[in-house]
Amino acid sequence: MGKKILILDDNERVAGMISQVLGRHGYDTCLAFDGAEGFEAVHREKPDLIILELQFCGPWGSRFFRMLTEVDAFKRIPLIVKSRGGDTYIPMERATASFLKPFNLLELLDVIDKNIGR
């Protein structure tokens, strides 16, 4: 069983594409398309890493980000943020890495490999 990555994005096509690429590289993935699903998935799936679309479902992206930084059980989970950039301010020191869209999937994979291995 590979390392598990939770992908939070309200765009099912984008989330599916990322999931397929990660799956081909030996990672298990789980997907969430809104904030409620995301909160449940973190508790249920206990992911090794989270990829968060910061603007997903309006304010839910930033709420989810804050939840991860405030709940002790989730503070150690590496978090990769992807965003449009510029339109939402959140201190990014908690993020393991951040990507502006459009982003390179191979660069994303490299950051994941360096943080949790395969």
PDB file of N, CA and C in Angstrom:
ATOM      1  N   MET A   1       0.843  -1.178   0.000  1.00  0.00           N
ATOM      2  CA  MET A   1       0.000   0.000   0.000  1.00  0.00           C
ATOM      3  C   MET A   1       0.884   1.235   0.000  1.00  0.00           C
ATOM      4  N   GLY A   2       0.584   2.176  -0.908  1.00  0.00           N
ATOM      5  CA  GLY A   2       1.379   3.391  -1.029  1.00  0.00           C
ATOM      6  C   GLY A   2       0.971   4.448  -0.028  1.00  0.00           C
ATOM      7  N   LYS A   3       1.721   5.512   0.002  1.00  0.00           N
ATOM      8  CA  LYS A   3       1.381   6.653   0.841  1.00  0.00           C
ATOM      9  C   LYS A   3       0.079   7.256   0.326  1.00  0.00           C
ATOM     10  N   LYS A   4      -0.729   7.765   1.247  1.00  0.00           N
ATOM     11  CA  LYS A   4      -2.046   8.285   0.875  1.00  0.00           C
ATOM     12  C   LYS A   4      -2.024   9.806   0.799  1.00  0.00           C
ATOM     13  N   ILE A   5      -2.600  10.321  -0.282  1.00  0.00           N
ATOM     14  CA  ILE A   5      -2.688  11.757  -0.508  1.00  0.00           C
ATOM     15  C   ILE A   5      -4.146  12.144  -0.669  1.00  0.00           C
ATOM     16  N   LEU A   6      -4.566  13.133   0.118  1.00  0.00           N
ATOM     17  CA  LEU A   6      -5.911  13.682   0.010  1.00  0.00           C
ATOM     18  C   LEU A   6      -5.863  14.890  -0.914  1.00  0.00           C
ATOM     19  N   ILE A   7      -6.717  14.884  -1.928  1.00  0.00           N
ATOM     20  CA  ILE A   7      -6.805  15.986  -2.886  1.00  0.00           C
ATOM     21  C   ILE A   7      -8.136  16.688  -2.655  1.00  0.00           C
ATOM     22  N   LEU A   8      -8.072  17.964  -2.287  1.00  0.00           N
ATOM     23  CA  LEU A   8      -9.273  18.766  -2.064  1.00  0.00           C
ATOM     24  C   LEU A   8      -9.396  19.794  -3.173  1.00  0.00           C
ATOM     25  N   ASP A   9     -10.410  19.626  -3.995  1.00  0.00           N
ATOM     26  CA  ASP A   9     -10.608  20.531  -5.125  1.00  0.00           C
ATOM     27  C   ASP A   9     -12.061  20.416  -5.555  1.00  0.00           C
ATOM     28  N   ASP A  10     -12.728  21.532  -5.818  1.00  0.00           N
ATOM     29  CA  ASP A  10     -14.113  21.462  -6.267  1.00  0.00           C
ATOM     30  C   ASP A  10     -14.233  21.176  -7.758  1.00  0.00           C
ATOM     31  N   ASN A  11     -13.117  21.122  -8.464  1.00  0.00           N
ATOM     32  CA  ASN A  11     -13.115  20.777  -9.880  1.00  0.00           C
ATOM     33  C   ASN A  11     -12.786  19.291  -9.998  1.00  0.00           C
ATOM     34  N   GLU A  12     -13.809  18.474 -10.226  1.00  0.00           N
ATOM     35  CA  GLU A  12     -13.624  17.026 -10.259  1.00  0.00           C
ATOM     36  C   GLU A  12     -12.669  16.592 -11.359  1.00  0.00           C
ATOM     37  N   ARG A  13     -12.667  17.289 -12.477  1.00  0.00           N
ATOM     38  CA  ARG A  13     -11.771  16.935 -13.583  1.00  0.00           C
ATOM     39  C   ARG A  13     -10.317  17.125 -13.178  1.00  0.00           C
ATOM     40  N   VAL A  14     -10.013  18.250 -12.558  1.00  0.00           N
ATOM     41  CA  VAL A  14      -8.644  18.537 -12.123  1.00  0.00           C
ATOM     42  C   VAL A  14      -8.224  17.549 -11.034  1.00  0.00           C
ATOM     43  N   ALA A  15      -9.096  17.327 -10.054  1.00  0.00           N
ATOM     44  CA  ALA A  15      -8.785  16.391  -8.977  1.00  0.00           C
ATOM     45  C   ALA A  15      -8.537  14.991  -9.534  1.00  0.00           C
ATOM     46  N   GLY A  16      -9.364  14.577 -10.484  1.00  0.00           N
ATOM     47  CA  GLY A  16      -9.191  13.264 -11.103  1.00  0.00           C
ATOM     48  C   GLY A  16      -7.888  13.150 -11.867  1.00  0.00           C
ATOM     49  N   MET A  17      -7.506  14.202 -12.582  1.00  0.00           N
ATOM     50  CA  MET A  17      -6.255  14.200 -13.335  1.00  0.00           C
ATOM     51  C   MET A  17      -5.061  14.067 -12.381  1.00  0.00           C
ATOM     52  N   ILE A  18      -5.065  14.839 -11.298  1.00  0.00           N
ATOM     53  CA  ILE A  18      -3.980  14.759 -10.321  1.00  0.00           C
ATOM     54  C   ILE A  18      -3.945  13.367  -9.701  1.00  0.00           C
ATOM     55  N   SER A  19      -5.112  12.830  -9.367  1.00  0.00           N
ATOM     56  CA  SER A  19      -5.206  11.501  -8.776  1.00  0.00           C
ATOM     57  C   SER A  19      -4.633  10.428  -9.706  1.00  0.00           C
ATOM     58  N   GLN A  20      -4.942  10.512 -11.001  1.00  0.00           N
ATOM     59  CA  GLN A  20      -4.425   9.538 -11.962  1.00  0.00           C
ATOM     60  C   GLN A  20      -2.906   9.591 -12.045  1.00  0.00           C
ATOM     61  N   VAL A  21      -2.355  10.791 -12.117  1.00  0.00           N
ATOM     62  CA  VAL A  21      -0.892  10.939 -12.203  1.00  0.00           C
ATOM     63  C   VAL A  21      -0.236  10.367 -10.949  1.00  0.00           C
ATOM     64  N   LEU A  22      -0.767  10.717  -9.779  1.00  0.00           N
ATOM     65  CA  LEU A  22      -0.183  10.227  -8.532  1.00  0.00           C
ATOM     66  C   LEU A  22      -0.325   8.711  -8.422  1.00  0.00           C
ATOM     67  N   GLY A  23      -1.459   8.175  -8.855  1.00  0.00           N
ATOM     68  CA  GLY A  23      -1.664   6.733  -8.840  1.00  0.00           C
ATOM     69  C   GLY A  23      -0.654   6.000  -9.707  1.00  0.00           C
ATOM     70  N   ARG A  24      -0.343   6.558 -10.873  1.00  0.00           N
ATOM     71  CA  ARG A  24       0.650   5.944 -11.757  1.00  0.00           C
ATOM     72  C   ARG A  24       2.049   5.977 -11.150  1.00  0.00           C
ATOM     73  N   HIS A  25       2.257   6.832 -10.171  1.00  0.00           N
ATOM     74  CA  HIS A  25       3.564   6.939  -9.516  1.00  0.00           C
ATOM     75  C   HIS A  25       3.571   6.285  -8.135  1.00  0.00           C
ATOM     76  N   GLY A  26       2.581   5.436  -7.864  1.00  0.00           N
ATOM     77  CA  GLY A  26       2.594   4.618  -6.665  1.00  0.00           C
ATOM     78  C   GLY A  26       1.909   5.179  -5.436  1.00  0.00           C
ATOM     79  N   TYR A  27       1.208   6.292  -5.578  1.00  0.00           N
ATOM     80  CA  TYR A  27       0.500   6.871  -4.435  1.00  0.00           C
ATOM     81  C   TYR A  27      -0.963   6.463  -4.443  1.00  0.00           C
ATOM     82  N   ASP A  28      -1.521   6.264  -3.257  1.00  0.00           N
ATOM     83  CA  ASP A  28      -2.964   6.087  -3.106  1.00  0.00           C
ATOM     84  C   ASP A  28      -3.558   7.475  -2.923  1.00  0.00           C
ATOM     85  N   THR A  29      -4.722   7.706  -3.468  1.00  0.00           N
ATOM     86  CA  THR A  29      -5.355   9.017  -3.331  1.00  0.00           C
ATOM     87  C   THR A  29      -6.787   8.875  -2.857  1.00  0.00           C
ATOM     88  N   CYS A  30      -7.258   9.916  -2.232  1.00  0.00           N
ATOM     89  CA  CYS A  30      -8.666  10.063  -1.907  1.00  0.00           C
ATOM     90  C   CYS A  30      -9.031  11.503  -2.258  1.00  0.00           C
ATOM     91  N   LEU A  31     -10.276  11.706  -2.624  1.00  0.00           N
ATOM     92  CA  LEU A  31     -10.703  13.005  -3.123  1.00  0.00           C
ATOM     93  C   LEU A  31     -11.823  13.571  -2.262  1.00  0.00           C
ATOM     94  N   ALA A  32     -11.846  14.886  -2.164  1.00  0.00           N
ATOM     95  CA  ALA A  32     -12.955  15.597  -1.525  1.00  0.00           C
ATOM     96  C   ALA A  32     -13.252  16.817  -2.373  1.00  0.00           C
ATOM     97  N   PHE A  33     -14.541  17.095  -2.562  1.00  0.00           N
ATOM     98  CA  PHE A  33     -14.949  18.168  -3.463  1.00  0.00           C
ATOM     99  C   PHE A  33     -15.606  19.343  -2.749  1.00  0.00           C
ATOM    100  N   ASP A  34     -15.744  19.258  -1.435  1.00  0.00           N
ATOM    101  CA  ASP A  34     -16.236  20.410  -0.680  1.00  0.00           C
ATOM    102  C   ASP A  34     -15.670  20.338   0.736  1.00  0.00           C
ATOM    103  N   GLY A  35     -15.887  21.370   1.501  1.00  0.00           N
ATOM    104  CA  GLY A  35     -15.302  21.466   2.828  1.00  0.00           C
ATOM    105  C   GLY A  35     -15.731  20.372   3.773  1.00  0.00           C
ATOM    106  N   ALA A  36     -17.023  20.048   3.767  1.00  0.00           N
ATOM    107  CA  ALA A  36     -17.515  19.002   4.664  1.00  0.00           C
ATOM    108  C   ALA A  36     -16.855  17.663   4.350  1.00  0.00           C
ATOM    109  N   GLU A  37     -16.782  17.333   3.054  1.00  0.00           N
ATOM    110  CA  GLU A  37     -16.106  16.095   2.649  1.00  0.00           C
ATOM    111  C   GLU A  37     -14.639  16.122   3.057  1.00  0.00           C
ATOM    112  N   GLY A  38     -14.017  17.282   2.922  1.00  0.00           N
ATOM    113  CA  GLY A  38     -12.606  17.414   3.273  1.00  0.00           C
ATOM    114  C   GLY A  38     -12.358  17.145   4.745  1.00  0.00           C
ATOM    115  N   PHE A  39     -13.176  17.746   5.616  1.00  0.00           N
ATOM    116  CA  PHE A  39     -13.029  17.517   7.052  1.00  0.00           C
ATOM    117  C   PHE A  39     -13.208  16.036   7.386  1.00  0.00           C
ATOM    118  N   GLU A  40     -14.231  15.418   6.800  1.00  0.00           N
ATOM    119  CA  GLU A  40     -14.477  13.994   7.049  1.00  0.00           C
ATOM    120  C   GLU A  40     -13.323  13.138   6.547  1.00  0.00           C
ATOM    121  N   ALA A  41     -12.818  13.472   5.360  1.00  0.00           N
ATOM    122  CA  ALA A  41     -11.752  12.674   4.757  1.00  0.00           C
ATOM    123  C   ALA A  41     -10.463  12.725   5.578  1.00  0.00           C
ATOM    124  N   VAL A  42     -10.124  13.865   6.135  1.00  0.00           N
ATOM    125  CA  VAL A  42      -8.911  13.948   6.949  1.00  0.00           C
ATOM    126  C   VAL A  42      -9.038  13.025   8.158  1.00  0.00           C
ATOM    127  N   HIS A  43     -10.195  13.043   8.799  1.00  0.00           N
ATOM    128  CA  HIS A  43     -10.408  12.180   9.964  1.00  0.00           C
ATOM    129  C   HIS A  43     -10.429  10.701   9.577  1.00  0.00           C
ATOM    130  N   ARG A  44     -11.127  10.381   8.503  1.00  0.00           N
ATOM    131  CA  ARG A  44     -11.334   8.994   8.090  1.00  0.00           C
ATOM    132  C   ARG A  44     -10.094   8.388   7.433  1.00  0.00           C
ATOM    133  N   GLU A  45      -9.481   9.127   6.521  1.00  0.00           N
ATOM    134  CA  GLU A  45      -8.410   8.578   5.688  1.00  0.00           C
ATOM    135  C   GLU A  45      -7.014   8.715   6.303  1.00  0.00           C
ATOM    136  N   LYS A  46      -6.838   9.675   7.197  1.00  0.00           N
ATOM    137  CA  LYS A  46      -5.530   9.929   7.818  1.00  0.00           C
ATOM    138  C   LYS A  46      -4.429  10.008   6.750  1.00  0.00           C
ATOM    139  N   PRO A  47      -4.535  10.995   5.866  1.00  0.00           N
ATOM    140  CA  PRO A  47      -3.595  11.085   4.744  1.00  0.00           C
ATOM    141  C   PRO A  47      -2.173  11.421   5.196  1.00  0.00           C
ATOM    142  N   ASP A  48      -1.223  11.013   4.378  1.00  0.00           N
ATOM    143  CA  ASP A  48       0.185  11.333   4.618  1.00  0.00           C
ATOM    144  C   ASP A  48       0.522  12.728   4.109  1.00  0.00           C
ATOM    145  N   LEU A  49      -0.297  13.249   3.197  1.00  0.00           N
ATOM    146  CA  LEU A  49      -0.084  14.568   2.600  1.00  0.00           C
ATOM    147  C   LEU A  49      -1.418  15.057   2.064  1.00  0.00           C
ATOM    148  N   ILE A  50      -1.598  16.375   2.035  1.00  0.00           N
ATOM    149  CA  ILE A  50      -2.831  16.971   1.517  1.00  0.00           C
ATOM    150  C   ILE A  50      -2.476  17.983   0.432  1.00  0.00           C
ATOM    151  N   ILE A  51      -3.218  17.922  -0.666  1.00  0.00           N
ATOM    152  CA  ILE A  51      -3.136  18.939  -1.718  1.00  0.00           C
ATOM    153  C   ILE A  51      -4.440  19.717  -1.658  1.00  0.00           C
ATOM    154  N   LEU A  52      -4.334  21.015  -1.435  1.00  0.00           N
ATOM    155  CA  LEU A  52      -5.506  21.862  -1.219  1.00  0.00           C
ATOM    156  C   LEU A  52      -5.598  22.953  -2.275  1.00  0.00           C
ATOM    157  N   GLU A  53      -6.723  22.986  -2.983  1.00  0.00           N
ATOM    158  CA  GLU A  53      -7.049  24.113  -3.848  1.00  0.00           C
ATOM    159  C   GLU A  53      -7.563  25.198  -2.922  1.00  0.00           C
ATOM    160  N   LEU A  54      -6.787  26.252  -2.746  1.00  0.00           N
ATOM    161  CA  LEU A  54      -7.089  27.254  -1.729  1.00  0.00           C
ATOM    162  C   LEU A  54      -8.435  27.930  -1.954  1.00  0.00           C
ATOM    163  N   GLN A  55      -8.832  28.151  -3.185  1.00  0.00           N
ATOM    164  CA  GLN A  55     -10.093  28.815  -3.449  1.00  0.00           C
ATOM    165  C   GLN A  55     -11.249  27.840  -3.620  1.00  0.00           C
ATOM    166  N   PHE A  56     -11.050  26.559  -3.267  1.00  0.00           N
ATOM    167  CA  PHE A  56     -12.106  25.596  -3.543  1.00  0.00           C
ATOM    168  C   PHE A  56     -13.349  25.911  -2.719  1.00  0.00           C
ATOM    169  N   CYS A  57     -14.478  25.880  -3.392  1.00  0.00           N
ATOM    170  CA  CYS A  57     -15.791  26.123  -2.776  1.00  0.00           C
ATOM    171  C   CYS A  57     -15.821  27.418  -1.968  1.00  0.00           C
ATOM    172  N   GLY A  58     -15.381  28.484  -2.553  1.00  0.00           N
ATOM    173  CA  GLY A  58     -15.436  29.787  -1.889  1.00  0.00           C
ATOM    174  C   GLY A  58     -14.529  29.841  -0.675  1.00  0.00           C
ATOM    175  N   PRO A  59     -15.077  30.171   0.485  1.00  0.00           N
ATOM    176  CA  PRO A  59     -14.242  30.341   1.675  1.00  0.00           C
ATOM    177  C   PRO A  59     -13.759  29.038   2.292  1.00  0.00           C
ATOM    178  N   TRP A  60     -14.223  27.900   1.802  1.00  0.00           N
ATOM    179  CA  TRP A  60     -13.853  26.636   2.430  1.00  0.00           C
ATOM    180  C   TRP A  60     -12.366  26.343   2.344  1.00  0.00           C
ATOM    181  N   GLY A  61     -11.703  26.768   1.291  1.00  0.00           N
ATOM    182  CA  GLY A  61     -10.272  26.508   1.172  1.00  0.00           C
ATOM    183  C   GLY A  61      -9.492  27.147   2.305  1.00  0.00           C
ATOM    184  N   SER A  62      -9.751  28.421   2.562  1.00  0.00           N
ATOM    185  CA  SER A  62      -9.046  29.099   3.645  1.00  0.00           C
ATOM    186  C   SER A  62      -9.482  28.580   5.006  1.00  0.00           C
ATOM    187  N   ARG A  63     -10.747  28.213   5.169  1.00  0.00           N
ATOM    188  CA  ARG A  63     -11.200  27.609   6.428  1.00  0.00           C
ATOM    189  C   ARG A  63     -10.494  26.283   6.685  1.00  0.00           C
ATOM    190  N   PHE A  64     -10.407  25.486   5.641  1.00  0.00           N
ATOM    191  CA  PHE A  64      -9.748  24.194   5.768  1.00  0.00           C
ATOM    192  C   PHE A  64      -8.274  24.390   6.135  1.00  0.00           C
ATOM    193  N   PHE A  65      -7.639  25.352   5.491  1.00  0.00           N
ATOM    194  CA  PHE A  65      -6.236  25.667   5.784  1.00  0.00           C
ATOM    195  C   PHE A  65      -6.081  26.021   7.258  1.00  0.00           C
ATOM    196  N   ARG A  66      -6.940  26.886   7.765  1.00  0.00           N
ATOM    197  CA  ARG A  66      -6.864  27.277   9.180  1.00  0.00           C
ATOM    198  C   ARG A  66      -7.100  26.085  10.103  1.00  0.00           C
ATOM    199  N   MET A  67      -8.035  25.222   9.761  1.00  0.00           N
ATOM    200  CA  MET A  67      -8.300  24.048  10.574  1.00  0.00           C
ATOM    201  C   MET A  67      -7.051  23.175  10.676  1.00  0.00           C
ATOM    202  N   LEU A  68      -6.351  23.006   9.585  1.00  0.00           N
ATOM    203  CA  LEU A  68      -5.144  22.186   9.608  1.00  0.00           C
ATOM    204  C   LEU A  68      -4.044  22.815  10.451  1.00  0.00           C
ATOM    205  N   THR A  69      -4.017  24.126  10.520  1.00  0.00           N
ATOM    206  CA  THR A  69      -2.971  24.777  11.302  1.00  0.00           C
ATOM    207  C   THR A  69      -3.327  24.872  12.776  1.00  0.00           C
ATOM    208  N   GLU A  70      -4.595  24.683  13.121  1.00  0.00           N
ATOM    209  CA  GLU A  70      -5.032  24.855  14.505  1.00  0.00           C
ATOM    210  C   GLU A  70      -5.288  23.542  15.242  1.00  0.00           C
ATOM    211  N   VAL A  71      -5.518  22.451  14.540  1.00  0.00           N
ATOM    212  CA  VAL A  71      -5.823  21.174  15.180  1.00  0.00           C
ATOM    213  C   VAL A  71      -4.525  20.381  15.310  1.00  0.00           C
ATOM    214  N   ASP A  72      -4.153  20.082  16.547  1.00  0.00           N
ATOM    215  CA  ASP A  72      -2.881  19.404  16.808  1.00  0.00           C
ATOM    216  C   ASP A  72      -2.713  18.117  16.004  1.00  0.00           C
ATOM    217  N   ALA A  73      -3.769  17.332  15.881  1.00  0.00           N
ATOM    218  CA  ALA A  73      -3.680  16.054  15.178  1.00  0.00           C
ATOM    219  C   ALA A  73      -3.331  16.219  13.700  1.00  0.00           C
ATOM    220  N   PHE A  74      -3.564  17.402  13.134  1.00  0.00           N
ATOM    221  CA  PHE A  74      -3.330  17.613  11.697  1.00  0.00           C
ATOM    222  C   PHE A  74      -2.112  18.471  11.393  1.00  0.00           C
ATOM    223  N   LYS A  75      -1.498  19.038  12.405  1.00  0.00           N
ATOM    224  CA  LYS A  75      -0.392  19.977  12.178  1.00  0.00           C
ATOM    225  C   LYS A  75       0.802  19.342  11.475  1.00  0.00           C
ATOM    226  N   ARG A  76       1.003  18.064  11.637  1.00  0.00           N
ATOM    227  CA  ARG A  76       2.186  17.402  11.057  1.00  0.00           C
ATOM    228  C   ARG A  76       1.960  16.901   9.624  1.00  0.00           C
ATOM    229  N   ILE A  77       0.752  16.998   9.131  1.00  0.00           N
ATOM    230  CA  ILE A  77       0.475  16.537   7.766  1.00  0.00           C
ATOM    231  C   ILE A  77       1.021  17.569   6.786  1.00  0.00           C
ATOM    232  N   PRO A  78       1.938  17.163   5.904  1.00  0.00           N
ATOM    233  CA  PRO A  78       2.423  18.113   4.897  1.00  0.00           C
ATOM    234  C   PRO A  78       1.256  18.603   4.037  1.00  0.00           C
ATOM    235  N   LEU A  79       1.275  19.894   3.731  1.00  0.00           N
ATOM    236  CA  LEU A  79       0.193  20.535   3.000  1.00  0.00           C
ATOM    237  C   LEU A  79       0.751  21.277   1.797  1.00  0.00           C
ATOM    238  N   ILE A  80       0.276  20.910   0.629  1.00  0.00           N
ATOM    239  CA  ILE A  80       0.637  21.607  -0.604  1.00  0.00           C
ATOM    240  C   ILE A  80      -0.577  22.409  -1.040  1.00  0.00           C
ATOM    241  N   VAL A  81      -0.371  23.700  -1.249  1.00  0.00           N
ATOM    242  CA  VAL A  81      -1.447  24.604  -1.621  1.00  0.00           C
ATOM    243  C   VAL A  81      -1.290  24.976  -3.087  1.00  0.00           C
ATOM    244  N   LYS A  82      -2.404  24.922  -3.806  1.00  0.00           N
ATOM    245  CA  LYS A  82      -2.414  25.460  -5.164  1.00  0.00           C
ATOM    246  C   LYS A  82      -3.492  26.531  -5.223  1.00  0.00           C
ATOM    247  N   SER A  83      -3.210  27.596  -5.958  1.00  0.00           N
ATOM    248  CA  SER A  83      -4.157  28.711  -5.993  1.00  0.00           C
ATOM    249  C   SER A  83      -3.976  29.524  -7.266  1.00  0.00           C
ATOM    250  N   ARG A  84      -4.928  30.429  -7.444  1.00  0.00           N
ATOM    251  CA  ARG A  84      -4.836  31.392  -8.545  1.00  0.00           C
ATOM    252  C   ARG A  84      -3.829  32.470  -8.197  1.00  0.00           C
ATOM    253  N   GLY A  85      -3.579  32.642  -6.914  1.00  0.00           N
ATOM    254  CA  GLY A  85      -2.612  33.634  -6.457  1.00  0.00           C
ATOM    255  C   GLY A  85      -3.210  35.023  -6.379  1.00  0.00           C
ATOM    256  N   GLY A  86      -2.760  35.774  -5.400  1.00  0.00           N
ATOM    257  CA  GLY A  86      -3.114  37.173  -5.297  1.00  0.00           C
ATOM    258  C   GLY A  86      -4.487  37.498  -4.774  1.00  0.00           C
ATOM    259  N   ASP A  87      -5.457  36.592  -4.935  1.00  0.00           N
ATOM    260  CA  ASP A  87      -6.809  36.968  -4.546  1.00  0.00           C
ATOM    261  C   ASP A  87      -7.196  36.493  -3.143  1.00  0.00           C
ATOM    262  N   THR A  88      -6.344  35.770  -2.467  1.00  0.00           N
ATOM    263  CA  THR A  88      -6.619  35.334  -1.103  1.00  0.00           C
ATOM    264  C   THR A  88      -5.333  35.425  -0.309  1.00  0.00           C
ATOM    265  N   TYR A  89      -5.379  36.098   0.836  1.00  0.00           N
ATOM    266  CA  TYR A  89      -4.193  36.172   1.671  1.00  0.00           C
ATOM    267  C   TYR A  89      -4.333  35.231   2.859  1.00  0.00           C
ATOM    268  N   ILE A  90      -3.397  34.346   2.972  1.00  0.00           N
ATOM    269  CA  ILE A  90      -3.279  33.485   4.134  1.00  0.00           C
ATOM    270  C   ILE A  90      -1.785  33.305   4.360  1.00  0.00           C
ATOM    271  N   PRO A  91      -1.318  33.424   5.587  1.00  0.00           N
ATOM    272  CA  PRO A  91       0.107  33.185   5.821  1.00  0.00           C
ATOM    273  C   PRO A  91       0.487  31.779   5.358  1.00  0.00           C
ATOM    274  N   MET A  92       1.442  31.689   4.472  1.00  0.00           N
ATOM    275  CA  MET A  92       1.779  30.413   3.862  1.00  0.00           C
ATOM    276  C   MET A  92       2.925  29.680   4.558  1.00  0.00           C
ATOM    277  N   GLU A  93       3.391  30.159   5.707  1.00  0.00           N
ATOM    278  CA  GLU A  93       4.494  29.458   6.340  1.00  0.00           C
ATOM    279  C   GLU A  93       4.130  28.037   6.746  1.00  0.00           C
ATOM    280  N   ARG A  94       2.861  27.739   6.927  1.00  0.00           N
ATOM    281  CA  ARG A  94       2.429  26.383   7.271  1.00  0.00           C
ATOM    282  C   ARG A  94       2.476  25.455   6.057  1.00  0.00           C
ATOM    283  N   ALA A  95       2.340  26.008   4.880  1.00  0.00           N
ATOM    284  CA  ALA A  95       2.324  25.179   3.679  1.00  0.00           C
ATOM    285  C   ALA A  95       3.719  24.624   3.389  1.00  0.00           C
ATOM    286  N   THR A  96       3.764  23.357   3.033  1.00  0.00           N
ATOM    287  CA  THR A  96       5.006  22.707   2.635  1.00  0.00           C
ATOM    288  C   THR A  96       5.499  23.301   1.322  1.00  0.00           C
ATOM    289  N   ALA A  97       4.553  23.580   0.433  1.00  0.00           N
ATOM    290  CA  ALA A  97       4.853  24.178  -0.869  1.00  0.00           C
ATOM    291  C   ALA A  97       3.572  24.821  -1.384  1.00  0.00           C
ATOM    292  N   SER A  98       3.727  25.748  -2.300  1.00  0.00           N
ATOM    293  CA  SER A  98       2.560  26.341  -2.937  1.00  0.00           C
ATOM    294  C   SER A  98       2.829  26.469  -4.432  1.00  0.00           C
ATOM    295  N   PHE A  99       1.778  26.294  -5.193  1.00  0.00           N
ATOM    296  CA  PHE A  99       1.844  26.363  -6.648  1.00  0.00           C
ATOM    297  C   PHE A  99       0.777  27.314  -7.150  1.00  0.00           C
ATOM    298  N   LEU A 100       1.145  28.148  -8.097  1.00  0.00           N
ATOM    299  CA  LEU A 100       0.175  28.986  -8.778  1.00  0.00           C
ATOM    300  C   LEU A 100      -0.307  28.244 -10.017  1.00  0.00           C
ATOM    301  N   LYS A 101      -1.607  28.353 -10.289  1.00  0.00           N
ATOM    302  CA  LYS A 101      -2.159  27.711 -11.476  1.00  0.00           C
ATOM    303  C   LYS A 101      -1.870  28.570 -12.698  1.00  0.00           C
ATOM    304  N   PRO A 102      -1.608  27.950 -13.816  1.00  0.00           N
ATOM    305  CA  PRO A 102      -1.425  26.514 -14.019  1.00  0.00           C
ATOM    306  C   PRO A 102      -0.075  26.065 -13.458  1.00  0.00           C
ATOM    307  N   PHE A 103       0.002  24.828 -13.034  1.00  0.00           N
ATOM    308  CA  PHE A 103       1.233  24.322 -12.451  1.00  0.00           C
ATOM    309  C   PHE A 103       1.668  23.066 -13.181  1.00  0.00           C
ATOM    310  N   ASN A 104       2.930  22.714 -12.999  1.00  0.00           N
ATOM    311  CA  ASN A 104       3.526  21.566 -13.650  1.00  0.00           C
ATOM    312  C   ASN A 104       3.346  20.341 -12.746  1.00  0.00           C
ATOM    313  N   LEU A 105       2.696  19.301 -13.247  1.00  0.00           N
ATOM    314  CA  LEU A 105       2.449  18.100 -12.446  1.00  0.00           C
ATOM    315  C   LEU A 105       3.745  17.391 -12.046  1.00  0.00           C
ATOM    316  N   LEU A 106       4.765  17.466 -12.884  1.00  0.00           N
ATOM    317  CA  LEU A 106       6.035  16.831 -12.528  1.00  0.00           C
ATOM    318  C   LEU A 106       6.711  17.560 -11.368  1.00  0.00           C
ATOM    319  N   GLU A 107       6.574  18.885 -11.327  1.00  0.00           N
ATOM    320  CA  GLU A 107       7.112  19.640 -10.193  1.00  0.00           C
ATOM    321  C   GLU A 107       6.333  19.304  -8.918  1.00  0.00           C
ATOM    322  N   LEU A 108       5.025  19.163  -9.030  1.00  0.00           N
ATOM    323  CA  LEU A 108       4.200  18.761  -7.890  1.00  0.00           C
ATOM    324  C   LEU A 108       4.633  17.384  -7.392  1.00  0.00           C
ATOM    325  N   LEU A 109       4.821  16.448  -8.297  1.00  0.00           N
ATOM    326  CA  LEU A 109       5.250  15.101  -7.943  1.00  0.00           C
ATOM    327  C   LEU A 109       6.611  15.128  -7.249  1.00  0.00           C
ATOM    328  N   ASP A 110       7.518  15.962  -7.718  1.00  0.00           N
ATOM    329  CA  ASP A 110       8.844  16.083  -7.108  1.00  0.00           C
ATOM    330  C   ASP A 110       8.738  16.550  -5.666  1.00  0.00           C
ATOM    331  N   VAL A 111       7.884  17.556  -5.397  1.00  0.00           N
ATOM    332  CA  VAL A 111       7.694  18.055  -4.033  1.00  0.00           C
ATOM    333  C   VAL A 111       7.097  16.955  -3.147  1.00  0.00           C
ATOM    334  N   ILE A 112       6.139  16.217  -3.681  1.00  0.00           N
ATOM    335  CA  ILE A 112       5.525  15.127  -2.923  1.00  0.00           C
ATOM    336  C   ILE A 112       6.571  14.072  -2.578  1.00  0.00           C
ATOM    337  N   ASP A 113       7.343  13.646  -3.591  1.00  0.00           N
ATOM    338  CA  ASP A 113       8.382  12.637  -3.366  1.00  0.00           C
ATOM    339  C   ASP A 113       9.363  13.079  -2.289  1.00  0.00           C
ATOM    340  N   LYS A 114       9.759  14.333  -2.317  1.00  0.00           N
ATOM    341  CA  LYS A 114      10.728  14.834  -1.340  1.00  0.00           C
ATOM    342  C   LYS A 114      10.155  14.893   0.071  1.00  0.00           C
ATOM    343  N   ASN A 115       8.836  15.017   0.191  1.00  0.00           N
ATOM    344  CA  ASN A 115       8.214  15.148   1.501  1.00  0.00           C
ATOM    345  C   ASN A 115       7.749  13.831   2.120  1.00  0.00           C
ATOM    346  N   ILE A 116       7.247  12.923   1.307  1.00  0.00           N
ATOM    347  CA  ILE A 116       6.744  11.671   1.889  1.00  0.00           C
ATOM    348  C   ILE A 116       7.281  10.418   1.218  1.00  0.00           C
ATOM    349  N   GLY A 117       8.035  10.558   0.143  1.00  0.00           N
ATOM    350  CA  GLY A 117       8.548   9.373  -0.546  1.00  0.00           C
ATOM    351  C   GLY A 117       7.418   8.531  -1.108  1.00  0.00           C
ATOM    352  N   ARG A 118       7.799   7.433  -1.715  1.00  0.00           N
ATOM    353  CA  ARG A 118       6.764   6.562  -2.309  1.00  0.00           C
ATOM    354  C   ARG A 118       6.580   5.339  -1.484  1.00  0.00           C
TER     355      ARG A 118
END
